[in-house]
Amino acid sequence: MNKSDLAKQLAEKASLSKGDAEKCVAIVWESIQDALTQGERVEIRGFGSFSVKHFDAREGRNPKTGESIKIEPRSLPRFKAGKDLKDRINHK
């Protein structure tokens, strides 16, 4: 399922126009992105939580040549599924 499929399903289930449903989905996506950008954690009860994991700079190796390389610090988004979602996927 992609973003437009989600908007279509939201429009059908909530009796919204397709345009309004697309705006709702865009607002949710943007809100999650803004919160993560500011270093906040986003928790959707029954679904899961989004957070940002920070990695420090470190020394690495090029596996092909064995040459030492510098790996820059970075931050990556993480998602952890909630218990309700895990149970639903596992048909419990």
PDB file of N, CA and C in Angstrom:
ATOM      1  N   MET A   1       0.853  -1.171   0.000  1.00  0.00           N
ATOM      2  CA  MET A   1       0.000   0.000   0.000  1.00  0.00           C
ATOM      3  C   MET A   1       0.897   1.231   0.000  1.00  0.00           C
ATOM      4  N   ASN A   2       0.588   2.168  -0.870  1.00  0.00           N
ATOM      5  CA  ASN A   2       1.344   3.411  -0.901  1.00  0.00           C
ATOM      6  C   ASN A   2       0.467   4.569  -0.406  1.00  0.00           C
ATOM      7  N   LYS A   3       1.010   5.768  -0.462  1.00  0.00           N
ATOM      8  CA  LYS A   3       0.330   6.944   0.085  1.00  0.00           C
ATOM      9  C   LYS A   3      -1.027   7.198  -0.591  1.00  0.00           C
ATOM     10  N   SER A   4      -1.110   7.060  -1.895  1.00  0.00           N
ATOM     11  CA  SER A   4      -2.366   7.298  -2.600  1.00  0.00           C
ATOM     12  C   SER A   4      -3.393   6.208  -2.309  1.00  0.00           C
ATOM     13  N   ASP A   5      -2.933   4.961  -2.126  1.00  0.00           N
ATOM     14  CA  ASP A   5      -3.845   3.876  -1.739  1.00  0.00           C
ATOM     15  C   ASP A   5      -4.435   4.136  -0.356  1.00  0.00           C
ATOM     16  N   LEU A   6      -3.594   4.627   0.546  1.00  0.00           N
ATOM     17  CA  LEU A   6      -4.052   4.954   1.888  1.00  0.00           C
ATOM     18  C   LEU A   6      -5.096   6.065   1.849  1.00  0.00           C
ATOM     19  N   ALA A   7      -4.854   7.085   1.044  1.00  0.00           N
ATOM     20  CA  ALA A   7      -5.811   8.189   0.904  1.00  0.00           C
ATOM     21  C   ALA A   7      -7.125   7.693   0.304  1.00  0.00           C
ATOM     22  N   LYS A   8      -7.040   6.810  -0.665  1.00  0.00           N
ATOM     23  CA  LYS A   8      -8.245   6.261  -1.282  1.00  0.00           C
ATOM     24  C   LYS A   8      -9.065   5.479  -0.272  1.00  0.00           C
ATOM     25  N   GLN A   9      -8.395   4.652   0.531  1.00  0.00           N
ATOM     26  CA  GLN A   9      -9.097   3.858   1.535  1.00  0.00           C
ATOM     27  C   GLN A   9      -9.704   4.757   2.619  1.00  0.00           C
ATOM     28  N   LEU A  10      -8.987   5.801   3.013  1.00  0.00           N
ATOM     29  CA  LEU A  10      -9.501   6.752   3.987  1.00  0.00           C
ATOM     30  C   LEU A  10     -10.737   7.458   3.449  1.00  0.00           C
ATOM     31  N   ALA A  11     -10.710   7.838   2.177  1.00  0.00           N
ATOM     32  CA  ALA A  11     -11.854   8.502   1.558  1.00  0.00           C
ATOM     33  C   ALA A  11     -13.082   7.595   1.567  1.00  0.00           C
ATOM     34  N   GLU A  12     -12.887   6.326   1.268  1.00  0.00           N
ATOM     35  CA  GLU A  12     -14.005   5.377   1.236  1.00  0.00           C
ATOM     36  C   GLU A  12     -14.574   5.117   2.631  1.00  0.00           C
ATOM     37  N   LYS A  13     -13.690   4.888   3.607  1.00  0.00           N
ATOM     38  CA  LYS A  13     -14.149   4.520   4.950  1.00  0.00           C
ATOM     39  C   LYS A  13     -14.697   5.702   5.743  1.00  0.00           C
ATOM     40  N   ALA A  14     -14.193   6.909   5.486  1.00  0.00           N
ATOM     41  CA  ALA A  14     -14.617   8.077   6.254  1.00  0.00           C
ATOM     42  C   ALA A  14     -15.583   8.964   5.475  1.00  0.00           C
ATOM     43  N   SER A  15     -16.007   8.516   4.302  1.00  0.00           N
ATOM     44  CA  SER A  15     -16.920   9.296   3.449  1.00  0.00           C
ATOM     45  C   SER A  15     -16.380  10.698   3.179  1.00  0.00           C
ATOM     46  N   LEU A  16     -15.116  10.755   2.802  1.00  0.00           N
ATOM     47  CA  LEU A  16     -14.476  12.025   2.449  1.00  0.00           C
ATOM     48  C   LEU A  16     -14.240  12.067   0.949  1.00  0.00           C
ATOM     49  N   SER A  17     -14.044  13.277   0.443  1.00  0.00           N
ATOM     50  CA  SER A  17     -13.654  13.381  -0.959  1.00  0.00           C
ATOM     51  C   SER A  17     -12.200  12.916  -1.066  1.00  0.00           C
ATOM     52  N   LYS A  18     -11.809  12.511  -2.244  1.00  0.00           N
ATOM     53  CA  LYS A  18     -10.435  12.026  -2.446  1.00  0.00           C
ATOM     54  C   LYS A  18      -9.426  13.122  -2.119  1.00  0.00           C
ATOM     55  N   GLY A  19      -9.746  14.348  -2.491  1.00  0.00           N
ATOM     56  CA  GLY A  19      -8.846  15.472  -2.215  1.00  0.00           C
ATOM     57  C   GLY A  19      -8.678  15.721  -0.729  1.00  0.00           C
ATOM     58  N   ASP A  20      -9.794  15.667   0.032  1.00  0.00           N
ATOM     59  CA  ASP A  20      -9.716  15.863   1.476  1.00  0.00           C
ATOM     60  C   ASP A  20      -8.925  14.737   2.139  1.00  0.00           C
ATOM     61  N   ALA A  21      -9.125  13.519   1.682  1.00  0.00           N
ATOM     62  CA  ALA A  21      -8.396  12.380   2.241  1.00  0.00           C
ATOM     63  C   ALA A  21      -6.899  12.516   1.965  1.00  0.00           C
ATOM     64  N   GLU A  22      -6.530  12.959   0.769  1.00  0.00           N
ATOM     65  CA  GLU A  22      -5.122  13.158   0.429  1.00  0.00           C
ATOM     66  C   GLU A  22      -4.504  14.233   1.315  1.00  0.00           C
ATOM     67  N   LYS A  23      -5.272  15.304   1.601  1.00  0.00           N
ATOM     68  CA  LYS A  23      -4.777  16.360   2.488  1.00  0.00           C
ATOM     69  C   LYS A  23      -4.557  15.821   3.894  1.00  0.00           C
ATOM     70  N   CYS A  24      -5.478  14.989   4.381  1.00  0.00           N
ATOM     71  CA  CYS A  24      -5.345  14.392   5.719  1.00  0.00           C
ATOM     72  C   CYS A  24      -4.090  13.540   5.814  1.00  0.00           C
ATOM     73  N   VAL A  25      -3.875  12.705   4.831  1.00  0.00           N
ATOM     74  CA  VAL A  25      -2.697  11.837   4.827  1.00  0.00           C
ATOM     75  C   VAL A  25      -1.427  12.686   4.765  1.00  0.00           C
ATOM     76  N   ALA A  26      -1.432  13.718   3.933  1.00  0.00           N
ATOM     77  CA  ALA A  26      -0.262  14.604   3.817  1.00  0.00           C
ATOM     78  C   ALA A  26       0.021  15.314   5.139  1.00  0.00           C
ATOM     79  N   ILE A  27      -1.016  15.743   5.841  1.00  0.00           N
ATOM     80  CA  ILE A  27      -0.843  16.419   7.122  1.00  0.00           C
ATOM     81  C   ILE A  27      -0.241  15.469   8.158  1.00  0.00           C
ATOM     82  N   VAL A  28      -0.717  14.232   8.192  1.00  0.00           N
ATOM     83  CA  VAL A  28      -0.182  13.252   9.140  1.00  0.00           C
ATOM     84  C   VAL A  28       1.284  12.983   8.832  1.00  0.00           C
ATOM     85  N   TRP A  29       1.609  12.757   7.569  1.00  0.00           N
ATOM     86  CA  TRP A  29       2.999  12.488   7.165  1.00  0.00           C
ATOM     87  C   TRP A  29       3.885  13.660   7.554  1.00  0.00           C
ATOM     88  N   GLU A  30       3.450  14.870   7.237  1.00  0.00           N
ATOM     89  CA  GLU A  30       4.244  16.063   7.520  1.00  0.00           C
ATOM     90  C   GLU A  30       4.429  16.250   9.026  1.00  0.00           C
ATOM     91  N   SER A  31       3.392  15.976   9.795  1.00  0.00           N
ATOM     92  CA  SER A  31       3.478  16.116  11.254  1.00  0.00           C
ATOM     93  C   SER A  31       4.482  15.131  11.841  1.00  0.00           C
ATOM     94  N   ILE A  32       4.464  13.900  11.361  1.00  0.00           N
ATOM     95  CA  ILE A  32       5.421  12.898  11.831  1.00  0.00           C
ATOM     96  C   ILE A  32       6.840  13.311  11.451  1.00  0.00           C
ATOM     97  N   GLN A  33       7.031  13.757  10.224  1.00  0.00           N
ATOM     98  CA  GLN A  33       8.353  14.181   9.766  1.00  0.00           C
ATOM     99  C   GLN A  33       8.859  15.374  10.565  1.00  0.00           C
ATOM    100  N   ASP A  34       7.995  16.348  10.829  1.00  0.00           N
ATOM    101  CA  ASP A  34       8.395  17.525  11.598  1.00  0.00           C
ATOM    102  C   ASP A  34       8.812  17.141  13.015  1.00  0.00           C
ATOM    103  N   ALA A  35       8.041  16.267  13.646  1.00  0.00           N
ATOM    104  CA  ALA A  35       8.366  15.839  15.006  1.00  0.00           C
ATOM    105  C   ALA A  35       9.710  15.111  15.036  1.00  0.00           C
ATOM    106  N   LEU A  36       9.944  14.219  14.087  1.00  0.00           N
ATOM    107  CA  LEU A  36      11.213  13.483  14.045  1.00  0.00           C
ATOM    108  C   LEU A  36      12.378  14.413  13.767  1.00  0.00           C
ATOM    109  N   THR A  37      12.163  15.401  12.912  1.00  0.00           N
ATOM    110  CA  THR A  37      13.210  16.375  12.594  1.00  0.00           C
ATOM    111  C   THR A  37      13.617  17.160  13.841  1.00  0.00           C
ATOM    112  N   GLN A  38      12.644  17.406  14.719  1.00  0.00           N
ATOM    113  CA  GLN A  38      12.917  18.142  15.959  1.00  0.00           C
ATOM    114  C   GLN A  38      13.410  17.220  17.080  1.00  0.00           C
ATOM    115  N   GLY A  39      13.622  15.949  16.767  1.00  0.00           N
ATOM    116  CA  GLY A  39      14.143  15.007  17.737  1.00  0.00           C
ATOM    117  C   GLY A  39      13.094  14.422  18.663  1.00  0.00           C
ATOM    118  N   GLU A  40      11.823  14.632  18.363  1.00  0.00           N
ATOM    119  CA  GLU A  40      10.752  14.103  19.192  1.00  0.00           C
ATOM    120  C   GLU A  40      10.416  12.663  18.793  1.00  0.00           C
ATOM    121  N   ARG A  41       9.789  11.966  19.709  1.00  0.00           N
ATOM    122  CA  ARG A  41       9.326  10.603  19.472  1.00  0.00           C
ATOM    123  C   ARG A  41       7.839  10.681  19.142  1.00  0.00           C
ATOM    124  N   VAL A  42       7.387   9.896  18.169  1.00  0.00           N
ATOM    125  CA  VAL A  42       5.973   9.876  17.780  1.00  0.00           C
ATOM    126  C   VAL A  42       5.424   8.495  18.107  1.00  0.00           C
ATOM    127  N   GLU A  43       4.393   8.464  18.942  1.00  0.00           N
ATOM    128  CA  GLU A  43       3.796   7.194  19.329  1.00  0.00           C
ATOM    129  C   GLU A  43       2.336   7.176  18.910  1.00  0.00           C
ATOM    130  N   ILE A  44       1.961   6.146  18.167  1.00  0.00           N
ATOM    131  CA  ILE A  44       0.570   5.945  17.761  1.00  0.00           C
ATOM    132  C   ILE A  44       0.117   4.670  18.454  1.00  0.00           C
ATOM    133  N   ARG A  45      -0.695   4.835  19.493  1.00  0.00           N
ATOM    134  CA  ARG A  45      -1.117   3.700  20.323  1.00  0.00           C
ATOM    135  C   ARG A  45      -1.758   2.613  19.470  1.00  0.00           C
ATOM    136  N   GLY A  46      -1.357   1.386  19.715  1.00  0.00           N
ATOM    137  CA  GLY A  46      -1.896   0.257  18.975  1.00  0.00           C
ATOM    138  C   GLY A  46      -1.219   0.023  17.636  1.00  0.00           C
ATOM    139  N   PHE A  47      -0.386   0.958  17.209  1.00  0.00           N
ATOM    140  CA  PHE A  47       0.299   0.816  15.924  1.00  0.00           C
ATOM    141  C   PHE A  47       1.799   0.691  16.129  1.00  0.00           C
ATOM    142  N   GLY A  48       2.403   1.698  16.735  1.00  0.00           N
ATOM    143  CA  GLY A  48       3.842   1.663  16.957  1.00  0.00           C
ATOM    144  C   GLY A  48       4.391   3.031  17.241  1.00  0.00           C
ATOM    145  N   SER A  49       5.713   3.113  17.307  1.00  0.00           N
ATOM    146  CA  SER A  49       6.348   4.392  17.585  1.00  0.00           C
ATOM    147  C   SER A  49       7.495   4.646  16.614  1.00  0.00           C
ATOM    148  N   PHE A  50       7.680   5.918  16.311  1.00  0.00           N
ATOM    149  CA  PHE A  50       8.759   6.378  15.450  1.00  0.00           C
ATOM    150  C   PHE A  50       9.726   7.174  16.320  1.00  0.00           C
ATOM    151  N   SER A  51      11.013   6.997  16.101  1.00  0.00           N
ATOM    152  CA  SER A  51      12.017   7.763  16.824  1.00  0.00           C
ATOM    153  C   SER A  51      13.229   7.951  15.915  1.00  0.00           C
ATOM    154  N   VAL A  52      14.179   8.737  16.401  1.00  0.00           N
ATOM    155  CA  VAL A  52      15.398   8.983  15.640  1.00  0.00           C
ATOM    156  C   VAL A  52      16.569   8.420  16.432  1.00  0.00           C
ATOM    157  N   LYS A  53      17.407   7.637  15.785  1.00  0.00           N
ATOM    158  CA  LYS A  53      18.602   7.071  16.414  1.00  0.00           C
ATOM    159  C   LYS A  53      19.814   7.802  15.862  1.00  0.00           C
ATOM    160  N   HIS A  54      20.672   8.262  16.775  1.00  0.00           N
ATOM    161  CA  HIS A  54      21.865   9.020  16.390  1.00  0.00           C
ATOM    162  C   HIS A  54      23.092   8.112  16.450  1.00  0.00           C
ATOM    163  N   PHE A  55      23.908   8.189  15.424  1.00  0.00           N
ATOM    164  CA  PHE A  55      25.139   7.417  15.352  1.00  0.00           C
ATOM    165  C   PHE A  55      26.317   8.381  15.317  1.00  0.00           C
ATOM    166  N   ASP A  56      27.314   8.148  16.163  1.00  0.00           N
ATOM    167  CA  ASP A  56      28.506   8.993  16.198  1.00  0.00           C
ATOM    168  C   ASP A  56      29.407   8.690  15.005  1.00  0.00           C
ATOM    169  N   ALA A  57      30.323   9.629  14.749  1.00  0.00           N
ATOM    170  CA  ALA A  57      31.333   9.408  13.707  1.00  0.00           C
ATOM    171  C   ALA A  57      32.230   8.262  14.167  1.00  0.00           C
ATOM    172  N   ARG A  58      32.737   7.512  13.197  1.00  0.00           N
ATOM    173  CA  ARG A  58      33.603   6.391  13.548  1.00  0.00           C
ATOM    174  C   ARG A  58      34.541   6.081  12.399  1.00  0.00           C
ATOM    175  N   GLU A  59      35.488   5.252  12.707  1.00  0.00           N
ATOM    176  CA  GLU A  59      36.457   4.789  11.712  1.00  0.00           C
ATOM    177  C   GLU A  59      35.943   3.472  11.142  1.00  0.00           C
ATOM    178  N   GLY A  60      35.933   3.342   9.836  1.00  0.00           N
ATOM    179  CA  GLY A  60      35.486   2.120   9.189  1.00  0.00           C
ATOM    180  C   GLY A  60      36.533   1.610   8.220  1.00  0.00           C
ATOM    181  N   ARG A  61      36.223   0.528   7.577  1.00  0.00           N
ATOM    182  CA  ARG A  61      37.147  -0.061   6.597  1.00  0.00           C
ATOM    183  C   ARG A  61      36.409  -0.349   5.302  1.00  0.00           C
ATOM    184  N   ASN A  62      37.060  -0.072   4.191  1.00  0.00           N
ATOM    185  CA  ASN A  62      36.552  -0.442   2.888  1.00  0.00           C
ATOM    186  C   ASN A  62      36.787  -1.945   2.756  1.00  0.00           C
ATOM    187  N   PRO A  63      35.706  -2.752   2.636  1.00  0.00           N
ATOM    188  CA  PRO A  63      35.897  -4.204   2.607  1.00  0.00           C
ATOM    189  C   PRO A  63      36.677  -4.701   1.391  1.00  0.00           C
ATOM    190  N   LYS A  64      36.640  -3.940   0.324  1.00  0.00           N
ATOM    191  CA  LYS A  64      37.324  -4.386  -0.895  1.00  0.00           C
ATOM    192  C   LYS A  64      38.835  -4.150  -0.809  1.00  0.00           C
ATOM    193  N   THR A  65      39.226  -2.960  -0.308  1.00  0.00           N
ATOM    194  CA  THR A  65      40.645  -2.612  -0.290  1.00  0.00           C
ATOM    195  C   THR A  65      41.266  -2.689   1.103  1.00  0.00           C
ATOM    196  N   GLY A  66      40.441  -2.706   2.142  1.00  0.00           N
ATOM    197  CA  GLY A  66      40.967  -2.718   3.508  1.00  0.00           C
ATOM    198  C   GLY A  66      41.382  -1.342   3.982  1.00  0.00           C
ATOM    199  N   GLU A  67      41.189  -0.331   3.117  1.00  0.00           N
ATOM    200  CA  GLU A  67      41.578   1.033   3.442  1.00  0.00           C
ATOM    201  C   GLU A  67      40.694   1.589   4.564  1.00  0.00           C
ATOM    202  N   SER A  68      41.297   2.333   5.472  1.00  0.00           N
ATOM    203  CA  SER A  68      40.569   2.961   6.567  1.00  0.00           C
ATOM    204  C   SER A  68      39.815   4.190   6.041  1.00  0.00           C
ATOM    205  N   ILE A  69      38.541   4.306   6.407  1.00  0.00           N
ATOM    206  CA  ILE A  69      37.741   5.454   5.963  1.00  0.00           C
ATOM    207  C   ILE A  69      37.016   6.052   7.167  1.00  0.00           C
ATOM    208  N   LYS A  70      36.710   7.343   7.068  1.00  0.00           N
ATOM    209  CA  LYS A  70      35.990   8.035   8.130  1.00  0.00           C
ATOM    210  C   LYS A  70      34.497   7.982   7.796  1.00  0.00           C
ATOM    211  N   ILE A  71      33.693   7.533   8.755  1.00  0.00           N
ATOM    212  CA  ILE A  71      32.240   7.503   8.580  1.00  0.00           C
ATOM    213  C   ILE A  71      31.666   8.663   9.374  1.00  0.00           C
ATOM    214  N   GLU A  72      30.956   9.540   8.695  1.00  0.00           N
ATOM    215  CA  GLU A  72      30.389  10.753   9.300  1.00  0.00           C
ATOM    216  C   GLU A  72      29.275  10.402  10.283  1.00  0.00           C
ATOM    217  N   PRO A  73      29.039  11.275  11.272  1.00  0.00           N
ATOM    218  CA  PRO A  73      27.899  11.046  12.165  1.00  0.00           C
ATOM    219  C   PRO A  73      26.595  11.161  11.381  1.00  0.00           C
ATOM    220  N   ARG A  74      25.571  10.437  11.821  1.00  0.00           N
ATOM    221  CA  ARG A  74      24.300  10.483  11.102  1.00  0.00           C
ATOM    222  C   ARG A  74      23.162  10.136  12.042  1.00  0.00           C
ATOM    223  N   SER A  75      21.975  10.441  11.596  1.00  0.00           N
ATOM    224  CA  SER A  75      20.763  10.113  12.338  1.00  0.00           C
ATOM    225  C   SER A  75      19.823   9.388  11.393  1.00  0.00           C
ATOM    226  N   LEU A  76      19.178   8.338  11.901  1.00  0.00           N
ATOM    227  CA  LEU A  76      18.271   7.551  11.077  1.00  0.00           C
ATOM    228  C   LEU A  76      16.940   7.355  11.793  1.00  0.00           C
ATOM    229  N   PRO A  77      15.834   7.366  11.038  1.00  0.00           N
ATOM    230  CA  PRO A  77      14.538   7.111  11.655  1.00  0.00           C
ATOM    231  C   PRO A  77      14.388   5.628  11.991  1.00  0.00           C
ATOM    232  N   ARG A  78      13.681   5.359  13.067  1.00  0.00           N
ATOM    233  CA  ARG A  78      13.412   3.988  13.497  1.00  0.00           C
ATOM    234  C   ARG A  78      11.912   3.827  13.716  1.00  0.00           C
ATOM    235  N   PHE A  79      11.411   2.631  13.464  1.00  0.00           N
ATOM    236  CA  PHE A  79      10.017   2.311  13.758  1.00  0.00           C
ATOM    237  C   PHE A  79       9.981   1.052  14.595  1.00  0.00           C
ATOM    238  N   LYS A  80       9.215   1.088  15.676  1.00  0.00           N
ATOM    239  CA  LYS A  80       9.027  -0.099  16.513  1.00  0.00           C
ATOM    240  C   LYS A  80       7.539  -0.392  16.551  1.00  0.00           C
ATOM    241  N   ALA A  81       7.166  -1.554  16.070  1.00  0.00           N
ATOM    242  CA  ALA A  81       5.751  -1.946  16.035  1.00  0.00           C
ATOM    243  C   ALA A  81       5.219  -2.124  17.451  1.00  0.00           C
ATOM    244  N   GLY A  82       3.968  -1.709  17.657  1.00  0.00           N
ATOM    245  CA  GLY A  82       3.311  -1.867  18.944  1.00  0.00           C
ATOM    246  C   GLY A  82       2.786  -3.285  19.131  1.00  0.00           C
ATOM    247  N   LYS A  83       2.450  -3.616  20.367  1.00  0.00           N
ATOM    248  CA  LYS A  83       1.985  -4.957  20.699  1.00  0.00           C
ATOM    249  C   LYS A  83       0.719  -5.316  19.921  1.00  0.00           C
ATOM    250  N   ASP A  84      -0.242  -4.394  19.823  1.00  0.00           N
ATOM    251  CA  ASP A  84      -1.486  -4.681  19.111  1.00  0.00           C
ATOM    252  C   ASP A  84      -1.223  -5.011  17.642  1.00  0.00           C
ATOM    253  N   LEU A  85      -0.329  -4.283  17.009  1.00  0.00           N
ATOM    254  CA  LEU A  85       0.005  -4.531  15.603  1.00  0.00           C
ATOM    255  C   LEU A  85       0.686  -5.887  15.450  1.00  0.00           C
ATOM    256  N   LYS A  86       1.617  -6.186  16.340  1.00  0.00           N
ATOM    257  CA  LYS A  86       2.306  -7.484  16.284  1.00  0.00           C
ATOM    258  C   LYS A  86       1.311  -8.633  16.446  1.00  0.00           C
ATOM    259  N   ASP A  87       0.400  -8.479  17.422  1.00  0.00           N
ATOM    260  CA  ASP A  87      -0.603  -9.526  17.648  1.00  0.00           C
ATOM    261  C   ASP A  87      -1.513  -9.692  16.433  1.00  0.00           C
ATOM    262  N   ARG A  88      -1.902  -8.601  15.825  1.00  0.00           N
ATOM    263  CA  ARG A  88      -2.790  -8.675  14.657  1.00  0.00           C
ATOM    264  C   ARG A  88      -2.103  -9.360  13.484  1.00  0.00           C
ATOM    265  N   ILE A  89      -0.839  -9.050  13.286  1.00  0.00           N
ATOM    266  CA  ILE A  89      -0.079  -9.675  12.203  1.00  0.00           C
ATOM    267  C   ILE A  89       0.072 -11.168  12.443  1.00  0.00           C
ATOM    268  N   ASN A  90       0.248 -11.542  13.715  1.00  0.00           N
ATOM    269  CA  ASN A  90       0.428 -12.948  14.075  1.00  0.00           C
ATOM    270  C   ASN A  90      -0.877 -13.648  14.384  1.00  0.00           C
ATOM    271  N   HIS A  91      -2.009 -13.015  14.092  1.00  0.00           N
ATOM    272  CA  HIS A  91      -3.351 -13.585  14.239  1.00  0.00           C
ATOM    273  C   HIS A  91      -3.641 -14.084  15.657  1.00  0.00           C
ATOM    274  N   LYS A  92      -3.260 -13.295  16.646  1.00  0.00           N
ATOM    275  CA  LYS A  92      -3.544 -13.692  18.037  1.00  0.00           C
ATOM    276  C   LYS A  92      -4.807 -13.057  18.531  1.00  0.00           C
TER     277      LYS A  92
END
